């Protein structure tokens, strides 16, 4: 298991995905994977990319490989939008091809991930209408499979896309609020609080768990 004592208390909620989904492995794999995922969720894509490179030469379990590959693709598209390096774009394309090859083995595990990667690709090009459709499909797929953390992630990334690429703040805030509710349902209270503070979200009607508030019902209606 990874030693979370090396991270501050306020950062530990970023370990939820790593610890909940990637239980069986060695500390040597989990620490750089955790740092990479944590950095991605905190929006530090340069640090996320640097940590992910440590894992490229290592052999890892299939489950770790799935999450490493998924986040590597997301990081690649984010870094491309920062520096427009064609290498980053190609890395993202390569990940999409890899996830496509895995899809047939477990659609319930890979479908929402592939849709989100495709959405990030289209957002990077940018093809606004196609990206919007793919984000919504990824959100629905994650919701249907009960992957509330990846539903929240897709909502947040769509919100960021609408803010920075499509210039549609009202719709962006709807998706940010939906992401906030998903993170509460997931138990990532620190992440939810950060998101609310960053975007000035009105959370007065949201319950501490995100399960019984009016907004939680609105998530189901919206999707």
C-alpha atoms as a PDB file:
ATOM      1  CA  UNK A   1       0.000   0.000   0.000  1.00  0.00           C
ATOM      2  CA  UNK A   2       1.205   3.525  -0.576  1.00  0.00           C
ATOM      3  CA  UNK A   3       2.381   5.476   2.420  1.00  0.00           C
ATOM      4  CA  UNK A   4       0.036   8.459   2.604  1.00  0.00           C
ATOM      5  CA  UNK A   5       1.980   9.903   5.547  1.00  0.00           C
ATOM      6  CA  UNK A   6       4.251  11.630   3.024  1.00  0.00           C
ATOM      7  CA  UNK A   7       1.267  13.756   1.960  1.00  0.00           C
ATOM      8  CA  UNK A   8      -0.501  16.447   3.948  1.00  0.00           C
ATOM      9  CA  UNK A   9      -3.828  15.667   5.619  1.00  0.00           C
ATOM     10  CA  UNK A  10      -5.652  17.992   3.213  1.00  0.00           C
ATOM     11  CA  UNK A  11      -4.312  16.057   0.228  1.00  0.00           C
ATOM     12  CA  UNK A  12      -5.283  12.567   1.344  1.00  0.00           C
ATOM     13  CA  UNK A  13      -8.690  12.526  -0.298  1.00  0.00           C
ATOM     14  CA  UNK A  14      -6.835  12.312  -3.621  1.00  0.00           C
ATOM     15  CA  UNK A  15      -5.733   8.834  -2.540  1.00  0.00           C
ATOM     16  CA  UNK A  16      -9.315   7.523  -2.624  1.00  0.00           C
ATOM     17  CA  UNK A  17      -9.228   6.379  -6.227  1.00  0.00           C
ATOM     18  CA  UNK A  18      -5.780   4.872  -5.930  1.00  0.00           C
ATOM     19  CA  UNK A  19      -6.527   2.967  -2.723  1.00  0.00           C
ATOM     20  CA  UNK A  20     -10.092   1.928  -3.548  1.00  0.00           C
ATOM     21  CA  UNK A  21      -9.442   0.760  -7.106  1.00  0.00           C
ATOM     22  CA  UNK A  22      -5.808  -0.377  -7.004  1.00  0.00           C
ATOM     23  CA  UNK A  23      -5.545  -2.385  -3.798  1.00  0.00           C
ATOM     24  CA  UNK A  24      -3.214  -5.208  -4.842  1.00  0.00           C
ATOM     25  CA  UNK A  25       0.256  -4.025  -5.834  1.00  0.00           C
ATOM     26  CA  UNK A  26       3.645  -2.961  -4.517  1.00  0.00           C
ATOM     27  CA  UNK A  27       4.459   0.331  -2.868  1.00  0.00           C
ATOM     28  CA  UNK A  28       6.994   1.068  -5.601  1.00  0.00           C
ATOM     29  CA  UNK A  29       4.151   1.256  -8.114  1.00  0.00           C
ATOM     30  CA  UNK A  30       1.520   2.905  -5.971  1.00  0.00           C
ATOM     31  CA  UNK A  31       3.561   5.890  -4.801  1.00  0.00           C
ATOM     32  CA  UNK A  32       4.345   7.327  -8.278  1.00  0.00           C
ATOM     33  CA  UNK A  33       0.877   6.379  -9.512  1.00  0.00           C
ATOM     34  CA  UNK A  34      -0.687   8.100  -6.507  1.00  0.00           C
ATOM     35  CA  UNK A  35       1.428  11.211  -7.021  1.00  0.00           C
ATOM     36  CA  UNK A  36       0.535  11.305 -10.711  1.00  0.00           C
ATOM     37  CA  UNK A  37      -3.206  10.913 -10.053  1.00  0.00           C
ATOM     38  CA  UNK A  38      -3.120  13.359  -7.133  1.00  0.00           C
ATOM     39  CA  UNK A  39      -1.323  15.951  -9.255  1.00  0.00           C
ATOM     40  CA  UNK A  40      -3.835  15.507 -12.066  1.00  0.00           C
ATOM     41  CA  UNK A  41      -6.805  16.035  -9.744  1.00  0.00           C
ATOM     42  CA  UNK A  42      -5.123  19.126  -8.302  1.00  0.00           C
ATOM     43  CA  UNK A  43      -4.618  20.549 -11.817  1.00  0.00           C
ATOM     44  CA  UNK A  44      -0.808  20.302 -11.736  1.00  0.00           C
ATOM     45  CA  UNK A  45      -0.431  18.579 -15.102  1.00  0.00           C
ATOM     46  CA  UNK A  46       3.318  19.084 -15.341  1.00  0.00           C
ATOM     47  CA  UNK A  47       3.881  17.202 -12.063  1.00  0.00           C
ATOM     48  CA  UNK A  48       1.344  14.574 -13.130  1.00  0.00           C
ATOM     49  CA  UNK A  49       3.216  14.012 -16.380  1.00  0.00           C
ATOM     50  CA  UNK A  50       6.604  13.813 -14.637  1.00  0.00           C
ATOM     51  CA  UNK A  51       5.364  11.205 -12.157  1.00  0.00           C
ATOM     52  CA  UNK A  52       3.698   9.138 -14.881  1.00  0.00           C
ATOM     53  CA  UNK A  53       6.993   8.931 -16.798  1.00  0.00           C
ATOM     54  CA  UNK A  54       8.527   7.065 -13.845  1.00  0.00           C
ATOM     55  CA  UNK A  55       6.043   4.244 -14.483  1.00  0.00           C
ATOM     56  CA  UNK A  56       6.643   3.860 -18.220  1.00  0.00           C
ATOM     57  CA  UNK A  57       9.530   1.416 -17.818  1.00  0.00           C
ATOM     58  CA  UNK A  58       7.933  -0.628 -15.010  1.00  0.00           C
ATOM     59  CA  UNK A  59       5.897  -3.798 -15.264  1.00  0.00           C
ATOM     60  CA  UNK A  60       2.660  -3.536 -13.315  1.00  0.00           C
ATOM     61  CA  UNK A  61      -0.517  -5.461 -12.628  1.00  0.00           C
ATOM     62  CA  UNK A  62      -3.343  -5.231 -15.145  1.00  0.00           C
ATOM     63  CA  UNK A  63      -5.477  -3.112 -12.821  1.00  0.00           C
ATOM     64  CA  UNK A  64      -2.707  -0.598 -12.239  1.00  0.00           C
ATOM     65  CA  UNK A  65      -1.975  -0.542 -15.975  1.00  0.00           C
ATOM     66  CA  UNK A  66      -5.605   0.366 -16.713  1.00  0.00           C
ATOM     67  CA  UNK A  67      -5.592   3.382 -14.418  1.00  0.00           C
ATOM     68  CA  UNK A  68      -2.085   4.425 -15.352  1.00  0.00           C
ATOM     69  CA  UNK A  69      -3.026   4.355 -19.059  1.00  0.00           C
ATOM     70  CA  UNK A  70      -6.316   6.214 -18.533  1.00  0.00           C
ATOM     71  CA  UNK A  71      -4.758   9.043 -16.555  1.00  0.00           C
ATOM     72  CA  UNK A  72      -1.757   9.206 -18.858  1.00  0.00           C
ATOM     73  CA  UNK A  73      -4.132   9.943 -21.727  1.00  0.00           C
ATOM     74  CA  UNK A  74      -5.999  12.631 -19.801  1.00  0.00           C
ATOM     75  CA  UNK A  75      -2.692  14.213 -18.767  1.00  0.00           C
ATOM     76  CA  UNK A  76      -1.428  14.150 -22.375  1.00  0.00           C
ATOM     77  CA  UNK A  77      -4.423  16.075 -23.717  1.00  0.00           C
ATOM     78  CA  UNK A  78      -4.245  18.577 -20.853  1.00  0.00           C
ATOM     79  CA  UNK A  79      -0.547  19.177 -21.473  1.00  0.00           C
ATOM     80  CA  UNK A  80      -1.204  19.570 -25.210  1.00  0.00           C
ATOM     81  CA  UNK A  81      -3.677  22.349 -24.456  1.00  0.00           C
ATOM     82  CA  UNK A  82      -0.962  24.059 -22.415  1.00  0.00           C
ATOM     83  CA  UNK A  83       2.004  23.866 -24.804  1.00  0.00           C
ATOM     84  CA  UNK A  84       0.536  22.546 -28.127  1.00  0.00           C
ATOM     85  CA  UNK A  85       3.270  19.927 -28.368  1.00  0.00           C
ATOM     86  CA  UNK A  86       2.423  17.397 -31.070  1.00  0.00           C
ATOM     87  CA  UNK A  87       4.122  14.704 -28.978  1.00  0.00           C
ATOM     88  CA  UNK A  88       1.523  15.204 -26.255  1.00  0.00           C
ATOM     89  CA  UNK A  89      -1.301  14.924 -28.778  1.00  0.00           C
ATOM     90  CA  UNK A  90       0.187  11.707 -30.192  1.00  0.00           C
ATOM     91  CA  UNK A  91       0.514  10.281 -26.680  1.00  0.00           C
ATOM     92  CA  UNK A  92      -3.173  10.948 -26.146  1.00  0.00           C
ATOM     93  CA  UNK A  93      -4.067   9.284 -29.460  1.00  0.00           C
ATOM     94  CA  UNK A  94      -1.983   6.237 -28.515  1.00  0.00           C
ATOM     95  CA  UNK A  95      -3.877   5.877 -25.250  1.00  0.00           C
ATOM     96  CA  UNK A  96      -7.227   6.047 -27.054  1.00  0.00           C
ATOM     97  CA  UNK A  97      -6.119   3.233 -29.370  1.00  0.00           C
ATOM     98  CA  UNK A  98      -5.037   1.154 -26.355  1.00  0.00           C
ATOM     99  CA  UNK A  99      -8.318   1.681 -24.479  1.00  0.00           C
ATOM    100  CA  UNK A 100     -10.264   0.863 -27.660  1.00  0.00           C
ATOM    101  CA  UNK A 101      -8.458  -2.495 -27.809  1.00  0.00           C
ATOM    102  CA  UNK A 102      -9.520  -3.220 -24.220  1.00  0.00           C
ATOM    103  CA  UNK A 103     -13.147  -2.134 -24.585  1.00  0.00           C
ATOM    104  CA  UNK A 104     -14.453  -5.482 -25.842  1.00  0.00           C
ATOM    105  CA  UNK A 105     -13.139  -7.269 -22.760  1.00  0.00           C
ATOM    106  CA  UNK A 106     -15.137  -5.151 -20.280  1.00  0.00           C
ATOM    107  CA  UNK A 107     -17.419  -2.467 -21.728  1.00  0.00           C
ATOM    108  CA  UNK A 108     -18.667  -1.514 -18.247  1.00  0.00           C
ATOM    109  CA  UNK A 109     -15.119  -0.713 -17.139  1.00  0.00           C
ATOM    110  CA  UNK A 110     -13.787   0.976 -20.247  1.00  0.00           C
ATOM    111  CA  UNK A 111     -16.703   2.663 -22.046  1.00  0.00           C
ATOM    112  CA  UNK A 112     -16.918   5.829 -19.948  1.00  0.00           C
ATOM    113  CA  UNK A 113     -13.112   6.149 -19.883  1.00  0.00           C
ATOM    114  CA  UNK A 114     -12.864   5.881 -23.663  1.00  0.00           C
ATOM    115  CA  UNK A 115     -15.677   8.396 -24.149  1.00  0.00           C
ATOM    116  CA  UNK A 116     -13.969  10.848 -21.795  1.00  0.00           C
ATOM    117  CA  UNK A 117     -10.630  10.474 -23.574  1.00  0.00           C
ATOM    118  CA  UNK A 118     -12.352  11.042 -26.915  1.00  0.00           C
ATOM    119  CA  UNK A 119     -14.046  14.123 -25.459  1.00  0.00           C
ATOM    120  CA  UNK A 120     -10.695  15.482 -24.290  1.00  0.00           C
ATOM    121  CA  UNK A 121      -9.238  14.807 -27.748  1.00  0.00           C
ATOM    122  CA  UNK A 122     -12.043  16.731 -29.459  1.00  0.00           C
ATOM    123  CA  UNK A 123     -11.765  19.532 -26.890  1.00  0.00           C
ATOM    124  CA  UNK A 124      -8.065  19.797 -27.714  1.00  0.00           C
ATOM    125  CA  UNK A 125      -8.533  20.101 -31.492  1.00  0.00           C
ATOM    126  CA  UNK A 126     -11.073  21.805 -30.804  1.00  0.00           C
ATOM    127  CA  UNK A 127     -14.326  20.388 -32.149  1.00  0.00           C
ATOM    128  CA  UNK A 128     -16.775  21.982 -29.737  1.00  0.00           C
ATOM    129  CA  UNK A 129     -20.045  20.254 -30.662  1.00  0.00           C
ATOM    130  CA  UNK A 130     -18.466  16.803 -30.862  1.00  0.00           C
ATOM    131  CA  UNK A 131     -16.644  17.335 -27.572  1.00  0.00           C
ATOM    132  CA  UNK A 132     -19.900  18.337 -25.837  1.00  0.00           C
ATOM    133  CA  UNK A 133     -21.658  15.203 -27.068  1.00  0.00           C
ATOM    134  CA  UNK A 134     -18.805  12.937 -25.960  1.00  0.00           C
ATOM    135  CA  UNK A 135     -18.568  14.521 -22.491  1.00  0.00           C
ATOM    136  CA  UNK A 136     -22.288  13.984 -21.960  1.00  0.00           C
ATOM    137  CA  UNK A 137     -22.011  10.375 -23.164  1.00  0.00           C
ATOM    138  CA  UNK A 138     -19.129   9.742 -20.770  1.00  0.00           C
ATOM    139  CA  UNK A 139     -21.071  11.240 -17.851  1.00  0.00           C
ATOM    140  CA  UNK A 140     -24.088   9.045 -18.631  1.00  0.00           C
ATOM    141  CA  UNK A 141     -21.947   5.919 -19.073  1.00  0.00           C
ATOM    142  CA  UNK A 142     -20.169   6.439 -15.743  1.00  0.00           C
ATOM    143  CA  UNK A 143     -23.495   7.101 -13.995  1.00  0.00           C
ATOM    144  CA  UNK A 144     -25.102   3.982 -15.496  1.00  0.00           C
ATOM    145  CA  UNK A 145     -22.180   1.852 -14.269  1.00  0.00           C
ATOM    146  CA  UNK A 146     -22.174   3.380 -10.791  1.00  0.00           C
ATOM    147  CA  UNK A 147     -18.728   4.984 -11.176  1.00  0.00           C
ATOM    148  CA  UNK A 148     -19.617   8.164  -9.330  1.00  0.00           C
ATOM    149  CA  UNK A 149     -16.007   9.399  -9.092  1.00  0.00           C
ATOM    150  CA  UNK A 150     -15.566   9.136 -12.874  1.00  0.00           C
ATOM    151  CA  UNK A 151     -18.997  10.710 -13.386  1.00  0.00           C
ATOM    152  CA  UNK A 152     -17.783  13.618 -11.272  1.00  0.00           C
ATOM    153  CA  UNK A 153     -14.497  13.787 -13.154  1.00  0.00           C
ATOM    154  CA  UNK A 154     -16.307  13.905 -16.504  1.00  0.00           C
ATOM    155  CA  UNK A 155     -18.633  16.626 -15.192  1.00  0.00           C
ATOM    156  CA  UNK A 156     -15.683  18.681 -13.975  1.00  0.00           C
ATOM    157  CA  UNK A 157     -13.711  18.285 -17.202  1.00  0.00           C
ATOM    158  CA  UNK A 158     -16.768  19.246 -19.236  1.00  0.00           C
ATOM    159  CA  UNK A 159     -17.185  22.292 -17.003  1.00  0.00           C
ATOM    160  CA  UNK A 160     -13.567  23.263 -17.580  1.00  0.00           C
ATOM    161  CA  UNK A 161     -14.014  22.772 -21.319  1.00  0.00           C
ATOM    162  CA  UNK A 162     -17.118  24.966 -21.363  1.00  0.00           C
ATOM    163  CA  UNK A 163     -15.290  27.667 -19.409  1.00  0.00           C
ATOM    164  CA  UNK A 164     -12.027  27.721 -21.333  1.00  0.00           C
ATOM    165  CA  UNK A 165     -12.859  26.543 -24.857  1.00  0.00           C
ATOM    166  CA  UNK A 166     -16.589  26.986 -25.479  1.00  0.00           C
ATOM    167  CA  UNK A 167     -16.946  30.195 -23.400  1.00  0.00           C
ATOM    168  CA  UNK A 168     -20.263  29.097 -21.897  1.00  0.00           C
ATOM    169  CA  UNK A 169     -20.067  29.924 -18.192  1.00  0.00           C
ATOM    170  CA  UNK A 170     -23.736  29.255 -17.277  1.00  0.00           C
ATOM    171  CA  UNK A 171     -23.598  25.691 -18.617  1.00  0.00           C
ATOM    172  CA  UNK A 172     -20.118  25.229 -17.149  1.00  0.00           C
ATOM    173  CA  UNK A 173     -21.416  26.024 -13.664  1.00  0.00           C
ATOM    174  CA  UNK A 174     -24.200  23.450 -14.039  1.00  0.00           C
ATOM    175  CA  UNK A 175     -21.598  20.765 -14.692  1.00  0.00           C
ATOM    176  CA  UNK A 176     -19.325  21.998 -11.907  1.00  0.00           C
ATOM    177  CA  UNK A 177     -22.238  21.737  -9.467  1.00  0.00           C
ATOM    178  CA  UNK A 178     -22.971  18.226 -10.701  1.00  0.00           C
ATOM    179  CA  UNK A 179     -19.289  17.336 -10.220  1.00  0.00           C
ATOM    180  CA  UNK A 180     -19.461  18.742  -6.686  1.00  0.00           C
ATOM    181  CA  UNK A 181     -22.435  16.501  -5.851  1.00  0.00           C
ATOM    182  CA  UNK A 182     -20.692  13.440  -7.317  1.00  0.00           C
ATOM    183  CA  UNK A 183     -17.570  14.089  -5.255  1.00  0.00           C
ATOM    184  CA  UNK A 184     -19.666  14.341  -2.086  1.00  0.00           C
ATOM    185  CA  UNK A 185     -21.365  11.041  -2.929  1.00  0.00           C
ATOM    186  CA  UNK A 186     -17.937   9.511  -3.529  1.00  0.00           C
ATOM    187  CA  UNK A 187     -16.718  10.742  -0.151  1.00  0.00           C
ATOM    188  CA  UNK A 188     -14.089  13.136  -1.555  1.00  0.00           C
ATOM    189  CA  UNK A 189     -15.166  16.021   0.681  1.00  0.00           C
ATOM    190  CA  UNK A 190     -11.905  17.919   0.317  1.00  0.00           C
ATOM    191  CA  UNK A 191     -12.092  17.778  -3.464  1.00  0.00           C
ATOM    192  CA  UNK A 192     -15.712  18.941  -3.365  1.00  0.00           C
ATOM    193  CA  UNK A 193     -14.794  21.852  -1.086  1.00  0.00           C
ATOM    194  CA  UNK A 194     -11.914  22.896  -3.363  1.00  0.00           C
ATOM    195  CA  UNK A 195     -14.160  22.821  -6.411  1.00  0.00           C
ATOM    196  CA  UNK A 196     -16.833  24.884  -4.682  1.00  0.00           C
ATOM    197  CA  UNK A 197     -14.291  27.463  -3.526  1.00  0.00           C
ATOM    198  CA  UNK A 198     -12.518  27.678  -6.888  1.00  0.00           C
ATOM    199  CA  UNK A 199     -15.707  28.343  -8.829  1.00  0.00           C
ATOM    200  CA  UNK A 200     -17.792  30.110  -6.187  1.00  0.00           C
ATOM    201  CA  UNK A 201     -20.459  27.409  -6.200  1.00  0.00           C
ATOM    202  CA  UNK A 202     -23.575  27.911  -4.106  1.00  0.00           C
ATOM    203  CA  UNK A 203     -23.671  24.753  -1.982  1.00  0.00           C
ATOM    204  CA  UNK A 204     -26.274  25.914   0.528  1.00  0.00           C
ATOM    205  CA  UNK A 205     -28.865  23.426  -0.742  1.00  0.00           C
ATOM    206  CA  UNK A 206     -26.449  20.480  -0.919  1.00  0.00           C
ATOM    207  CA  UNK A 207     -26.425  17.938   1.892  1.00  0.00           C
ATOM    208  CA  UNK A 208     -23.037  16.844   3.366  1.00  0.00           C
ATOM    209  CA  UNK A 209     -23.263  13.552   1.455  1.00  0.00           C
ATOM    210  CA  UNK A 210     -24.827  14.993  -1.692  1.00  0.00           C
ATOM    211  CA  UNK A 211     -27.551  12.334  -1.569  1.00  0.00           C
ATOM    212  CA  UNK A 212     -30.691  14.023  -0.330  1.00  0.00           C
ATOM    213  CA  UNK A 213     -30.488  17.605  -1.536  1.00  0.00           C
ATOM    214  CA  UNK A 214     -32.515  19.200  -4.311  1.00  0.00           C
ATOM    215  CA  UNK A 215     -29.355  19.472  -6.398  1.00  0.00           C
ATOM    216  CA  UNK A 216     -28.701  15.743  -6.084  1.00  0.00           C
ATOM    217  CA  UNK A 217     -32.137  15.139  -7.603  1.00  0.00           C
ATOM    218  CA  UNK A 218     -31.331  17.677 -10.322  1.00  0.00           C
ATOM    219  CA  UNK A 219     -28.302  15.608 -11.346  1.00  0.00           C
ATOM    220  CA  UNK A 220     -30.563  12.663 -12.111  1.00  0.00           C
ATOM    221  CA  UNK A 221     -32.970  14.883 -14.041  1.00  0.00           C
ATOM    222  CA  UNK A 222     -30.198  16.593 -16.035  1.00  0.00           C
ATOM    223  CA  UNK A 223     -28.766  13.296 -17.213  1.00  0.00           C
END
